[in-house]
Amino acid sequence: MAKRKRRSFSAEFKAEAVRLCQVGDRSIAKVAKDLDLTETALREWVRAAEVSAAAQPTEALTGAEREELLRLRREVKRLQMEREILKKAGGLLREGERVKFAFIDAEKAFFPVSVLCDVLSVSRSGFYAWSKRPAPRRKASDAQLAAEIVAAHRRSRGTYGSPRVHAELRARGLRVGKKRVERLMRERGLEARRKRRFRRTTDSNHTQPIAPNLLARQFETNAPNEAWVTDVTSIPTGEGWLYLAAMLDLFSRRVVGFAMSAQNDRLLALEALHSALRARKPAAGLLHHSDRGSPYASEDYRQALSERGIVPSMSRTGNCWDNAVAESFFATLKAELTDATHYPTRDAAMASIRDYLESFYNPARRHSHLGYFSPVEFELRAQVAAFAA
């Protein structure tokens, strides 16, 4: 067997690998396998991330204090288990006992039955009685799979249709056909949230210089930080419109920078750009594509691009397809989040959108264009593959 080449991962890579273990429902072993890492190394990264610099030493504690500390640690461990169960179970608390029992049966190898029953508010005696009842094999199998499907749909915040739910189940090691997933979702009224027509926010009525369309709808790149696309959309709130500017890397469709404001102006666009530059630090030659809006054509914005050696590109007049990736992202955001939510204030909308981008879209949401990997996982896999090349 060929000896594996020694690999050295950056602190950022380690942090994002640990993040995958924390935001999803996959075990450390599963994340390590998916990223072609050793489980030992990933466990060490997770352990190091959890170590607190202010951890209290136990040597100086009395016997009673030590017992209390151990009790608190056991309580924290149980709370962590309950949190993981709730992540997996999603909204199963609103389901009937049969669905809950099927879920407990599927997860009892990973968590104590007593904890599973407590979290889902069912009795242990009821679960054990259910598990001993004879049932048709196909019906029992459907019930167990349905519990997994409901949990996957709830983990997606109610946004996934059958293709993404199927991908989620396969990632968990379940061998199941697409048609069966479609049937069970249809029987339970589970479906994806539908996109609606995109709302334009572009003000191209200005006399500032316009860059040529260098991107030319070439939406595929070979590595991160080769081409970014950006745009602005509006979200209604009880206080008026909130504007969101987002920057996406075409390689992974990851949101690499964003900013929100009550005004749609060059300051909003510049803050999104600076947010992306702080996070990614791209080399000179990066292609930056936008529409012809006045913020992107402004002298301040053009100077910010020039100082970093970034090459500007702009869509043709009135041609939404030239910036289709950015528009598709906003349509997804609206369908999966903002259209279904009433925001009384701009601050409430900003907190909700930030949580969606940082806790779901980038690290966890399965993207059809990426083979149903999330943007973060797609980038981590590409880095691992580069080591093996």
Protein backbone atom coordinates (compact mmCIF):
# COMPACT_ATOMS: atom_id res chain seq x y z
CA MET A 1 0.00 0.00 0.00
CA ALA A 2 1.33 3.42 -0.97
CA LYS A 3 2.25 5.62 1.97
CA ARG A 4 -0.01 8.66 2.36
CA LYS A 5 1.77 11.93 1.67
CA ARG A 6 2.16 14.00 4.83
CA ARG A 7 -0.35 16.83 4.79
CA SER A 8 -0.27 20.12 6.66
CA PHE A 9 -3.63 21.81 7.13
CA SER A 10 -4.10 25.48 7.89
CA ALA A 11 -5.78 26.72 11.06
CA GLU A 12 -8.68 27.95 8.92
CA PHE A 13 -9.13 24.49 7.37
CA LYS A 14 -9.15 22.87 10.84
CA ALA A 15 -11.66 25.40 12.15
CA GLU A 16 -14.04 24.78 9.25
CA ALA A 17 -13.71 20.99 9.57
CA VAL A 18 -14.61 21.33 13.27
CA ARG A 19 -17.50 23.58 12.26
CA LEU A 20 -18.92 20.80 10.06
CA CYS A 21 -18.97 18.54 13.12
CA GLN A 22 -20.83 21.19 15.12
CA VAL A 23 -23.47 22.53 12.74
CA GLY A 24 -24.66 19.29 11.18
CA ASP A 25 -25.81 15.97 12.56
CA ARG A 26 -22.90 13.91 11.26
CA SER A 27 -20.55 12.21 13.67
CA ILE A 28 -16.86 13.04 13.81
CA ALA A 29 -16.14 9.68 12.18
CA LYS A 30 -18.50 10.47 9.29
CA VAL A 31 -17.05 13.95 8.70
CA ALA A 32 -13.53 12.51 8.79
CA LYS A 33 -14.48 9.88 6.22
CA ASP A 34 -16.22 12.42 3.97
CA LEU A 35 -13.19 14.73 4.01
CA ASP A 36 -10.62 11.91 3.74
CA LEU A 37 -9.12 12.79 7.12
CA THR A 38 -8.04 10.48 9.91
CA GLU A 39 -10.62 10.28 12.66
CA THR A 40 -7.88 10.65 15.28
CA ALA A 41 -6.72 13.96 13.82
CA LEU A 42 -10.24 15.37 13.53
CA ARG A 43 -11.10 14.32 17.10
CA GLU A 44 -7.98 16.11 18.31
CA TRP A 45 -9.01 19.26 16.41
CA VAL A 46 -12.47 19.09 17.97
CA ARG A 47 -11.03 18.48 21.45
CA ALA A 48 -8.62 21.38 21.10
CA ALA A 49 -11.46 23.66 19.98
CA GLU A 50 -13.49 22.74 23.04
CA VAL A 51 -10.72 23.29 25.56
CA SER A 52 -11.28 26.52 27.42
CA ALA A 53 -8.34 28.64 28.48
CA ALA A 54 -10.25 29.36 31.66
CA ALA A 55 -10.84 25.72 32.53
CA GLN A 56 -10.81 25.31 36.29
CA PRO A 57 -8.01 23.04 37.63
CA THR A 58 -9.21 20.22 39.87
CA GLU A 59 -6.09 19.68 41.99
CA ALA A 60 -6.92 22.45 44.46
CA LEU A 61 -10.57 21.42 44.90
CA THR A 62 -12.00 19.75 48.00
CA GLY A 63 -13.79 16.42 47.69
CA ALA A 64 -17.22 18.09 47.71
CA GLU A 65 -16.12 20.66 45.13
CA ARG A 66 -14.72 17.94 42.91
CA GLU A 67 -17.98 15.99 43.12
CA GLU A 68 -19.93 19.12 42.21
CA LEU A 69 -17.64 19.77 39.25
CA LEU A 70 -18.11 16.18 38.04
CA ARG A 71 -21.88 16.56 38.44
CA LEU A 72 -21.83 19.73 36.39
CA ARG A 73 -19.74 18.05 33.69
CA ARG A 74 -22.21 15.15 33.53
CA GLU A 75 -25.03 17.67 33.24
CA VAL A 76 -23.22 19.49 30.44
CA LYS A 77 -22.62 16.18 28.65
CA ARG A 78 -26.31 15.32 28.89
CA LEU A 79 -27.29 18.77 27.63
CA GLN A 80 -24.92 18.28 24.69
CA MET A 81 -26.58 14.93 23.93
CA GLU A 82 -30.02 16.52 24.14
CA ARG A 83 -28.90 19.27 21.76
CA GLU A 84 -27.58 16.69 19.26
CA ILE A 85 -30.80 14.68 19.49
CA LEU A 86 -32.89 17.79 18.89
CA LYS A 87 -30.72 18.66 15.88
CA LYS A 88 -31.40 15.24 14.42
CA ALA A 89 -35.05 15.06 15.44
CA GLY A 90 -35.91 18.53 14.16
CA GLY A 91 -39.63 19.01 14.81
CA LEU A 92 -40.47 15.43 15.77
CA LEU A 93 -41.87 16.75 19.07
CA ARG A 94 -45.00 17.59 17.07
CA GLU A 95 -45.27 14.10 15.55
CA GLY A 96 -47.11 11.07 16.88
CA GLU A 97 -45.63 8.37 19.07
CA ARG A 98 -45.05 5.92 16.20
CA VAL A 99 -42.80 8.36 14.36
CA LYS A 100 -40.94 9.20 17.58
CA PHE A 101 -40.49 5.51 18.44
CA ALA A 102 -39.12 4.81 14.94
CA PHE A 103 -36.64 7.65 15.36
CA ILE A 104 -35.54 6.35 18.79
CA ASP A 105 -35.07 2.88 17.32
CA ALA A 106 -32.85 4.35 14.59
CA GLU A 107 -30.75 6.40 17.05
CA LYS A 108 -30.46 4.07 20.07
CA ALA A 109 -27.01 2.93 18.92
CA PHE A 110 -25.76 6.51 19.35
CA PHE A 111 -27.66 7.79 22.40
CA PRO A 112 -29.12 6.21 25.57
CA VAL A 113 -32.77 5.25 25.14
CA SER A 114 -33.60 7.06 28.38
CA VAL A 115 -32.28 10.36 27.04
CA LEU A 116 -33.97 9.89 23.66
CA CYS A 117 -37.31 9.22 25.37
CA ASP A 118 -36.95 12.22 27.69
CA VAL A 119 -36.13 14.61 24.83
CA LEU A 120 -39.05 13.36 22.69
CA SER A 121 -41.45 13.24 25.69
CA VAL A 122 -42.37 9.57 25.44
CA SER A 123 -42.11 6.82 28.04
CA ARG A 124 -39.44 4.15 27.94
CA SER A 125 -42.04 1.48 28.66
CA GLY A 126 -44.06 2.68 25.69
CA PHE A 127 -41.03 2.51 23.42
CA TYR A 128 -40.08 -1.00 24.54
CA ALA A 129 -43.68 -2.17 24.13
CA TRP A 130 -43.75 -0.70 20.61
CA SER A 131 -40.45 -2.33 19.70
CA LYS A 132 -41.79 -5.80 20.66
CA ARG A 133 -44.96 -5.54 18.59
CA PRO A 134 -44.94 -7.56 15.37
CA ALA A 135 -45.45 -5.45 12.28
CA PRO A 136 -45.21 -6.00 8.52
CA ARG A 137 -41.58 -5.59 7.57
CA ARG A 138 -42.22 -3.03 4.82
CA LYS A 139 -44.52 -0.95 7.02
CA ALA A 140 -42.04 -0.91 9.88
CA SER A 141 -39.23 -0.03 7.47
CA ASP A 142 -41.32 2.82 6.01
CA ALA A 143 -42.06 4.16 9.49
CA GLN A 144 -38.38 4.19 10.42
CA LEU A 145 -37.37 5.79 7.12
CA ALA A 146 -40.18 8.34 7.44
CA ALA A 147 -38.76 9.41 10.80
CA GLU A 148 -35.37 9.98 9.17
CA ILE A 149 -37.01 11.92 6.33
CA VAL A 150 -39.01 14.16 8.68
CA ALA A 151 -35.87 14.85 10.72
CA ALA A 152 -33.84 15.68 7.59
CA HIS A 153 -36.56 18.01 6.33
CA ARG A 154 -36.77 19.78 9.69
CA ARG A 155 -32.96 20.11 9.90
CA SER A 156 -33.12 21.91 6.56
CA ARG A 157 -35.46 24.43 8.21
CA GLY A 158 -38.27 23.02 6.13
CA THR A 159 -36.61 23.98 2.84
CA TYR A 160 -35.47 20.70 1.24
CA GLY A 161 -37.35 18.85 -1.46
CA SER A 162 -36.89 15.14 -2.17
CA PRO A 163 -33.54 15.43 -4.07
CA ARG A 164 -31.78 17.16 -1.16
CA VAL A 165 -33.47 14.97 1.46
CA HIS A 166 -32.32 11.93 -0.54
CA ALA A 167 -28.76 13.31 -0.61
CA GLU A 168 -28.94 13.95 3.15
CA LEU A 169 -30.02 10.36 3.83
CA ARG A 170 -27.29 8.95 1.59
CA ALA A 171 -24.72 11.08 3.40
CA ARG A 172 -25.91 9.45 6.64
CA GLY A 173 -25.21 6.02 5.15
CA LEU A 174 -28.82 5.08 4.34
CA ARG A 175 -29.33 3.19 1.10
CA VAL A 176 -32.71 4.31 -0.19
CA GLY A 177 -34.22 5.02 -3.59
CA LYS A 178 -35.30 8.47 -4.78
CA LYS A 179 -38.83 7.32 -5.62
CA ARG A 180 -39.36 5.94 -2.13
CA VAL A 181 -38.24 9.22 -0.57
CA GLU A 182 -40.58 11.12 -2.91
CA ARG A 183 -43.50 8.86 -1.92
CA LEU A 184 -42.96 9.14 1.81
CA MET A 185 -42.52 12.93 1.60
CA ARG A 186 -45.66 13.25 -0.51
CA GLU A 187 -47.66 11.17 1.99
CA ARG A 188 -46.59 13.52 4.80
CA GLY A 189 -47.02 16.76 2.86
CA LEU A 190 -43.30 17.60 2.94
CA GLU A 191 -41.95 19.68 0.06
CA ALA A 192 -39.36 22.28 -0.87
CA ARG A 193 -40.09 25.97 -0.61
CA ARG A 194 -40.64 27.42 -4.08
CA LYS A 195 -38.67 30.31 -5.52
CA ARG A 196 -40.49 33.32 -6.90
CA ARG A 197 -39.51 35.98 -9.40
CA PHE A 198 -36.47 38.04 -8.40
CA ARG A 199 -36.98 41.71 -7.51
CA ARG A 200 -34.59 44.06 -9.25
CA THR A 201 -32.83 46.78 -7.21
CA THR A 202 -30.40 48.09 -9.85
CA ASP A 203 -29.99 51.81 -10.49
CA SER A 204 -28.04 52.01 -13.76
CA ASN A 205 -29.15 55.57 -14.60
CA HIS A 206 -25.76 57.21 -14.06
CA THR A 207 -22.78 58.54 -16.01
CA GLN A 208 -20.03 56.56 -14.25
CA PRO A 209 -17.71 54.29 -16.29
CA ILE A 210 -19.03 50.84 -17.17
CA ALA A 211 -16.74 47.78 -17.22
CA PRO A 212 -17.02 45.23 -20.07
CA ASN A 213 -18.72 41.88 -19.48
CA LEU A 214 -15.53 39.84 -19.02
CA LEU A 215 -17.27 37.04 -17.15
CA ALA A 216 -19.48 36.36 -20.19
CA ARG A 217 -21.60 33.82 -18.28
CA GLN A 218 -18.62 31.57 -17.59
CA PHE A 219 -19.91 30.50 -14.19
CA GLU A 220 -17.46 27.61 -13.67
CA THR A 221 -14.02 28.11 -12.11
CA ASN A 222 -11.27 25.67 -11.15
CA ALA A 223 -10.37 27.04 -7.72
CA PRO A 224 -11.57 29.49 -5.07
CA ASN A 225 -10.95 33.22 -5.50
CA GLU A 226 -10.81 33.16 -9.30
CA ALA A 227 -14.16 34.90 -9.81
CA TRP A 228 -16.68 36.52 -7.46
CA VAL A 229 -20.17 37.74 -8.28
CA THR A 230 -22.13 40.29 -6.28
CA ASP A 231 -25.53 41.93 -6.17
CA VAL A 232 -28.05 43.59 -3.83
CA THR A 233 -31.59 42.59 -2.89
CA SER A 234 -34.29 44.12 -0.69
CA ILE A 235 -36.16 42.55 2.24
CA PRO A 236 -39.34 44.10 3.66
CA THR A 237 -39.55 44.81 7.41
CA GLY A 238 -41.91 46.66 9.72
CA GLU A 239 -39.49 49.60 9.61
CA GLY A 240 -39.13 49.69 5.82
CA TRP A 241 -36.78 48.03 3.35
CA LEU A 242 -33.56 46.32 4.44
CA TYR A 243 -30.94 45.95 1.71
CA LEU A 244 -28.57 42.97 1.58
CA ALA A 245 -25.38 43.02 -0.52
CA ALA A 246 -23.76 39.62 -0.94
CA MET A 247 -20.53 38.40 -2.57
CA LEU A 248 -20.33 34.79 -3.83
CA ASP A 249 -17.34 32.75 -4.97
CA LEU A 250 -18.27 30.99 -8.22
CA PHE A 251 -16.12 27.95 -7.35
CA SER A 252 -18.21 26.86 -4.36
CA ARG A 253 -21.20 29.27 -4.48
CA ARG A 254 -20.13 30.26 -0.97
CA VAL A 255 -21.15 33.66 0.40
CA VAL A 256 -17.68 35.06 1.11
CA GLY A 257 -18.88 38.50 2.24
CA PHE A 258 -22.09 40.36 2.92
CA ALA A 259 -23.45 43.57 4.43
CA MET A 260 -26.90 44.94 5.33
CA SER A 261 -28.24 48.50 5.57
CA ALA A 262 -31.34 50.63 5.37
CA GLN A 263 -29.75 52.39 2.36
CA ASN A 264 -28.85 50.84 -0.97
CA ASP A 265 -25.72 52.86 -1.74
CA ARG A 266 -22.02 52.55 -2.43
CA LEU A 267 -21.23 52.24 1.31
CA LEU A 268 -23.31 49.05 1.48
CA ALA A 269 -21.57 47.60 -1.58
CA LEU A 270 -18.14 48.59 -0.23
CA GLU A 271 -18.80 46.97 3.15
CA ALA A 272 -19.76 43.69 1.44
CA LEU A 273 -16.56 43.88 -0.62
CA HIS A 274 -14.37 44.61 2.41
CA SER A 275 -16.08 41.80 4.31
CA ALA A 276 -15.13 39.37 1.54
CA LEU A 277 -11.57 40.71 1.29
CA ARG A 278 -11.04 40.32 5.05
CA ALA A 279 -12.26 36.74 4.92
CA ARG A 280 -10.53 35.53 1.74
CA LYS A 281 -7.50 37.73 0.95
CA PRO A 282 -7.48 36.90 -2.80
CA ALA A 283 -4.45 37.31 -5.03
CA ALA A 284 -4.37 39.96 -7.75
CA GLY A 285 -6.25 38.99 -10.89
CA LEU A 286 -9.54 38.04 -9.23
CA LEU A 287 -12.48 38.73 -11.56
CA HIS A 288 -15.29 40.71 -9.89
CA HIS A 289 -18.66 40.67 -11.66
CA SER A 290 -21.68 42.84 -10.86
CA ASP A 291 -24.55 44.58 -12.57
CA ARG A 292 -24.24 48.20 -13.80
CA GLY A 293 -25.61 49.72 -10.61
CA SER A 294 -24.24 53.07 -9.49
CA PRO A 295 -22.59 51.66 -6.30
CA TYR A 296 -20.37 49.33 -8.37
CA ALA A 297 -19.58 52.03 -10.92
CA SER A 298 -18.74 54.64 -8.27
CA GLU A 299 -15.21 56.03 -8.01
CA ASP A 300 -14.79 54.68 -4.46
CA TYR A 301 -15.72 51.16 -5.47
CA ARG A 302 -13.57 51.15 -8.60
CA GLN A 303 -10.62 52.41 -6.56
CA ALA A 304 -11.11 49.68 -3.95
CA LEU A 305 -10.97 47.05 -6.70
CA SER A 306 -7.93 48.64 -8.36
CA GLU A 307 -5.95 48.79 -5.10
CA ARG A 308 -6.27 45.01 -4.72
CA GLY A 309 -5.59 44.19 -8.36
CA ILE A 310 -9.17 42.99 -8.87
CA VAL A 311 -10.52 43.04 -12.43
CA PRO A 312 -14.08 44.49 -12.78
CA SER A 313 -16.73 42.98 -15.03
CA MET A 314 -20.35 44.13 -15.48
CA SER A 315 -23.52 42.66 -16.95
CA ARG A 316 -25.00 44.00 -20.13
CA THR A 317 -27.91 46.43 -19.88
CA GLY A 318 -31.11 44.76 -18.66
CA ASN A 319 -29.68 41.24 -18.94
CA CYS A 320 -30.34 39.37 -15.69
CA TRP A 321 -28.80 36.14 -17.02
CA ASP A 322 -25.34 37.73 -17.02
CA ASN A 323 -25.43 37.64 -13.20
CA ALA A 324 -27.59 34.52 -12.85
CA VAL A 325 -25.65 32.97 -9.94
CA ALA A 326 -26.14 35.97 -7.67
CA GLU A 327 -29.81 36.25 -8.63
CA SER A 328 -30.34 32.53 -8.03
CA PHE A 329 -28.81 32.86 -4.57
CA PHE A 330 -31.17 35.69 -3.64
CA ALA A 331 -34.14 33.70 -4.95
CA THR A 332 -33.07 30.81 -2.70
CA LEU A 333 -32.68 33.10 0.32
CA LYS A 334 -36.14 34.55 -0.19
CA ALA A 335 -37.82 31.19 -0.77
CA GLU A 336 -36.14 29.47 2.16
CA LEU A 337 -36.17 32.31 4.67
CA THR A 338 -37.41 35.86 4.16
CA ASP A 339 -40.64 35.20 2.22
CA ALA A 340 -41.87 32.97 5.05
CA THR A 341 -40.91 35.38 7.84
CA HIS A 342 -42.38 38.68 9.03
CA TYR A 343 -39.68 40.94 10.43
CA PRO A 344 -40.96 43.70 12.74
CA THR A 345 -37.59 45.50 12.67
CA ARG A 346 -34.50 45.68 10.49
CA ASP A 347 -32.41 44.33 13.39
CA ALA A 348 -34.60 41.21 13.54
CA ALA A 349 -34.17 40.67 9.80
CA MET A 350 -30.40 41.18 10.01
CA ALA A 351 -30.05 38.62 12.83
CA SER A 352 -32.17 36.08 10.94
CA ILE A 353 -30.28 36.50 7.66
CA ARG A 354 -26.88 36.38 9.36
CA ASP A 355 -27.85 33.13 11.11
CA TYR A 356 -29.10 31.63 7.83
CA LEU A 357 -25.86 32.47 6.00
CA GLU A 358 -23.38 31.55 8.74
CA SER A 359 -25.13 28.57 10.37
CA PHE A 360 -26.99 27.01 7.45
CA TYR A 361 -26.30 28.18 3.89
CA ASN A 362 -22.48 28.12 3.91
CA PRO A 363 -21.71 25.17 6.22
CA ALA A 364 -24.76 22.91 5.90
CA ARG A 365 -27.11 23.58 2.95
CA ARG A 366 -26.73 21.01 0.18
CA HIS A 367 -26.24 22.67 -3.20
CA SER A 368 -27.39 20.81 -6.31
CA HIS A 369 -24.66 22.43 -8.43
CA LEU A 370 -22.01 21.09 -6.04
CA GLY A 371 -23.15 17.48 -6.12
CA TYR A 372 -25.29 18.11 -3.03
CA PHE A 373 -22.36 19.16 -0.83
CA SER A 374 -22.49 22.39 1.15
CA PRO A 375 -20.20 25.25 -0.01
CA VAL A 376 -17.86 24.82 2.98
CA GLU A 377 -17.61 21.06 2.54
CA PHE A 378 -17.07 21.44 -1.22
CA GLU A 379 -14.10 23.73 -0.57
CA LEU A 380 -12.63 21.46 2.13
CA ARG A 381 -12.91 18.44 -0.18
CA ALA A 382 -11.16 20.38 -2.94
CA GLN A 383 -8.28 21.22 -0.57
CA VAL A 384 -7.92 17.58 0.48
CA ALA A 385 -7.98 16.47 -3.17
CA ALA A 386 -5.23 19.00 -3.95
CA PHE A 387 -3.01 17.35 -1.33
CA ALA A 388 -3.51 13.96 -2.98
CA ALA A 389 -2.74 15.26 -6.49
